[in-house]
């Protein structure tokens, strides 16, 4: 068994494509905070049963792109917020993939990411005074970026989940049906 075959047994091809495209998207010019990373973390939490791998994939995606874009002093907070997004995808969407669940969880994850990362900007930067008023200034200044983030998060989450569900229902169901037609379901043996 080749290494690629082993990987494909653990991680579906669609997930690998989404991760590769997420890294690529971060590297090309795009509107500020309009990225697929948070959506990909929710997607990983929902669809990847191996939770260590589900957490690892968005973090590796960020690490690969950060290696190319450069490191910053708020990385631990960004990565932590993505870890939480994976957990949210796992707890709030997995086995309950409905439009309202995906929508509400995406809004919640985007809000959590906003709160954590803007706190990090206030704590780690020299932009704002280190008091409550400075923290509020940090959050107010971040609202313009959060608008793009929410739009991007919703766009990419529905792109990822919608594409996955569409292809899963359209192609994989047909594939499973055609493969099962040769098997006796009760005995799991070829007929």
Protein backbone atom coordinates (compact mmCIF):
# COMPACT_ATOMS: atom_id res chain seq x y z
CA UNK A 1 0.00 0.00 0.00
CA UNK A 2 1.49 3.35 -1.02
CA UNK A 3 1.68 6.36 1.29
CA UNK A 4 -0.87 8.16 -0.89
CA UNK A 5 -3.30 5.25 -0.55
CA UNK A 6 -2.88 5.32 3.24
CA UNK A 7 -3.52 9.07 3.34
CA UNK A 8 -6.60 8.77 1.13
CA UNK A 9 -8.03 6.13 3.47
CA UNK A 10 -7.67 8.56 6.40
CA UNK A 11 -8.51 11.84 4.63
CA UNK A 12 -11.00 12.01 1.76
CA UNK A 13 -9.78 13.63 -1.44
CA UNK A 14 -12.33 16.44 -1.12
CA UNK A 15 -10.90 17.44 2.26
CA UNK A 16 -7.37 17.50 0.84
CA UNK A 17 -8.55 19.71 -2.03
CA UNK A 18 -10.25 22.14 0.36
CA UNK A 19 -7.09 22.42 2.46
CA UNK A 20 -4.86 22.98 -0.57
CA UNK A 21 -7.21 25.63 -1.91
CA UNK A 22 -7.35 27.29 1.52
CA UNK A 23 -3.56 27.63 1.62
CA UNK A 24 -3.53 28.91 -1.94
CA UNK A 25 -6.28 31.43 -1.20
CA UNK A 26 -4.34 32.92 1.70
CA UNK A 27 -1.37 33.45 -0.62
CA UNK A 28 -3.20 35.33 -3.38
CA UNK A 29 -4.48 38.92 -2.99
CA UNK A 30 -7.92 39.01 -1.36
CA UNK A 31 -10.09 41.42 0.68
CA UNK A 32 -8.91 41.72 4.31
CA UNK A 33 -10.16 38.85 6.49
CA UNK A 34 -12.16 37.31 3.62
CA UNK A 35 -10.50 33.90 3.90
CA UNK A 36 -11.58 30.24 3.99
CA UNK A 37 -9.58 29.21 7.07
CA UNK A 38 -12.28 29.45 9.75
CA UNK A 39 -14.79 27.76 7.44
CA UNK A 40 -12.29 25.02 6.75
CA UNK A 41 -11.83 24.52 10.52
CA UNK A 42 -15.60 24.13 10.96
CA UNK A 43 -15.67 21.75 7.99
CA UNK A 44 -12.82 19.66 9.42
CA UNK A 45 -14.53 19.47 12.81
CA UNK A 46 -17.73 18.28 11.19
CA UNK A 47 -16.51 15.79 8.61
CA UNK A 48 -13.21 14.38 9.85
CA UNK A 49 -13.91 11.70 12.43
CA UNK A 50 -10.33 11.53 13.69
CA UNK A 51 -10.44 14.66 15.87
CA UNK A 52 -6.66 14.91 16.20
CA UNK A 53 -6.45 15.07 12.43
CA UNK A 54 -9.40 17.48 12.28
CA UNK A 55 -7.54 19.89 14.57
CA UNK A 56 -4.22 19.34 12.86
CA UNK A 57 -5.42 20.12 9.33
CA UNK A 58 -6.47 23.78 9.78
CA UNK A 59 -3.48 24.43 12.02
CA UNK A 60 -1.12 22.95 9.42
CA UNK A 61 -2.88 24.97 6.74
CA UNK A 62 -2.19 28.13 8.73
CA UNK A 63 1.38 27.09 9.51
CA UNK A 64 2.20 26.40 5.85
CA UNK A 65 0.77 29.73 4.75
CA UNK A 66 2.37 31.57 7.71
CA UNK A 67 5.73 30.11 6.72
CA UNK A 68 5.28 31.82 3.37
CA UNK A 69 3.59 35.02 4.60
CA UNK A 70 5.51 35.53 7.84
CA UNK A 71 4.96 34.94 11.53
CA UNK A 72 3.35 37.41 13.95
CA UNK A 73 2.98 37.81 17.69
CA UNK A 74 -0.73 36.91 17.79
CA UNK A 75 -0.35 33.50 16.13
CA UNK A 76 -1.04 31.51 19.29
CA UNK A 77 -4.38 33.31 19.67
CA UNK A 78 -5.30 32.81 16.00
CA UNK A 79 -4.42 29.12 16.16
CA UNK A 80 -6.32 28.77 19.44
CA UNK A 81 -9.41 30.36 17.90
CA UNK A 82 -9.16 27.92 14.98
CA UNK A 83 -8.88 25.03 17.44
CA UNK A 84 -12.13 26.24 19.04
CA UNK A 85 -13.74 26.46 15.58
CA UNK A 86 -12.87 22.79 14.94
CA UNK A 87 -14.51 21.86 18.25
CA UNK A 88 -17.57 23.95 17.35
CA UNK A 89 -17.85 22.15 14.00
CA UNK A 90 -17.62 18.84 15.82
CA UNK A 91 -20.10 19.62 18.60
CA UNK A 92 -22.66 21.81 16.84
CA UNK A 93 -22.72 20.59 13.23
CA UNK A 94 -21.46 16.99 13.03
CA UNK A 95 -24.38 14.58 12.56
CA UNK A 96 -26.69 17.66 12.35
CA UNK A 97 -25.69 19.17 9.00
CA UNK A 98 -28.62 21.48 8.41
CA UNK A 99 -28.49 24.97 6.93
CA UNK A 100 -29.51 26.66 10.19
CA UNK A 101 -26.94 24.70 12.24
CA UNK A 102 -24.15 25.57 9.80
CA UNK A 103 -25.24 29.22 9.63
CA UNK A 104 -25.54 29.75 13.40
CA UNK A 105 -22.33 27.88 14.19
CA UNK A 106 -20.46 29.91 11.58
CA UNK A 107 -21.71 33.18 13.10
CA UNK A 108 -20.76 31.96 16.60
CA UNK A 109 -17.31 30.80 15.47
CA UNK A 110 -16.71 34.08 13.65
CA UNK A 111 -17.67 36.00 16.80
CA UNK A 112 -15.40 33.87 19.00
CA UNK A 113 -12.54 34.36 16.50
CA UNK A 114 -13.18 38.13 16.50
CA UNK A 115 -13.20 38.35 20.32
CA UNK A 116 -10.05 36.26 20.76
CA UNK A 117 -7.97 37.81 17.97
CA UNK A 118 -8.88 41.42 18.75
CA UNK A 119 -8.07 40.77 22.40
CA UNK A 120 -4.70 39.50 21.17
CA UNK A 121 -4.12 42.65 19.09
CA UNK A 122 -4.84 44.76 22.18
CA UNK A 123 -2.69 42.58 24.47
CA UNK A 124 0.29 41.97 22.19
CA UNK A 125 0.43 45.22 20.23
CA UNK A 126 1.25 48.85 20.90
CA UNK A 127 -1.80 50.22 19.11
CA UNK A 128 -4.07 50.73 22.11
CA UNK A 129 -3.65 51.71 25.77
CA UNK A 130 -3.52 48.76 28.17
CA UNK A 131 -6.81 49.53 29.89
CA UNK A 132 -10.50 48.80 29.37
CA UNK A 133 -10.94 51.80 27.05
CA UNK A 134 -8.03 50.52 24.93
CA UNK A 135 -9.60 47.08 24.71
CA UNK A 136 -12.91 48.60 23.58
CA UNK A 137 -11.01 50.68 20.99
CA UNK A 138 -9.44 47.48 19.69
CA UNK A 139 -12.83 45.83 19.30
CA UNK A 140 -14.37 48.92 17.65
CA UNK A 141 -11.47 49.18 15.18
CA UNK A 142 -11.84 45.49 14.40
CA UNK A 143 -15.52 45.75 13.42
CA UNK A 144 -14.67 46.82 9.86
CA UNK A 145 -12.53 43.69 9.46
CA UNK A 146 -15.14 41.51 11.13
CA UNK A 147 -17.69 42.52 8.50
CA UNK A 148 -15.45 41.02 5.80
CA UNK A 149 -14.73 38.02 8.03
CA UNK A 150 -18.42 37.18 8.51
CA UNK A 151 -19.14 37.53 4.80
CA UNK A 152 -16.10 35.39 3.94
CA UNK A 153 -16.87 32.81 6.61
CA UNK A 154 -20.44 32.41 5.40
CA UNK A 155 -19.41 32.33 1.74
CA UNK A 156 -16.75 29.67 2.24
CA UNK A 157 -18.67 27.57 4.77
CA UNK A 158 -21.61 27.26 2.38
CA UNK A 159 -19.22 26.62 -0.50
CA UNK A 160 -17.43 23.83 1.43
CA UNK A 161 -20.45 22.25 3.10
CA UNK A 162 -22.69 22.73 0.08
CA UNK A 163 -20.14 21.25 -2.35
CA UNK A 164 -19.40 18.34 -0.05
CA UNK A 165 -23.06 17.54 0.57
CA UNK A 166 -23.92 17.94 -3.13
CA UNK A 167 -21.14 15.62 -4.30
CA UNK A 168 -21.76 13.23 -1.45
CA UNK A 169 -25.44 12.89 -2.33
CA UNK A 170 -25.01 13.03 -6.10
CA UNK A 171 -21.99 10.80 -6.64
CA UNK A 172 -21.06 8.85 -3.53
CA UNK A 173 -24.60 7.63 -2.94
CA UNK A 174 -24.72 6.32 -6.51
CA UNK A 175 -21.30 4.74 -6.09
CA UNK A 176 -22.31 3.05 -2.83
CA UNK A 177 -25.55 1.83 -4.39
CA UNK A 178 -23.77 0.36 -7.39
CA UNK A 179 -21.20 -1.33 -5.16
CA UNK A 180 -23.85 -2.69 -2.81
CA UNK A 181 -25.83 -4.21 -5.67
CA UNK A 182 -23.15 -6.91 -5.88
CA UNK A 183 -23.36 -7.70 -2.16
CA UNK A 184 -25.89 -9.38 0.05
CA UNK A 185 -26.48 -6.74 2.74
CA UNK A 186 -27.32 -9.31 5.46
CA UNK A 187 -24.22 -11.46 5.03
CA UNK A 188 -21.90 -8.80 3.55
CA UNK A 189 -20.81 -11.29 0.90
CA UNK A 190 -20.85 -11.09 -2.86
CA UNK A 191 -24.01 -12.50 -4.37
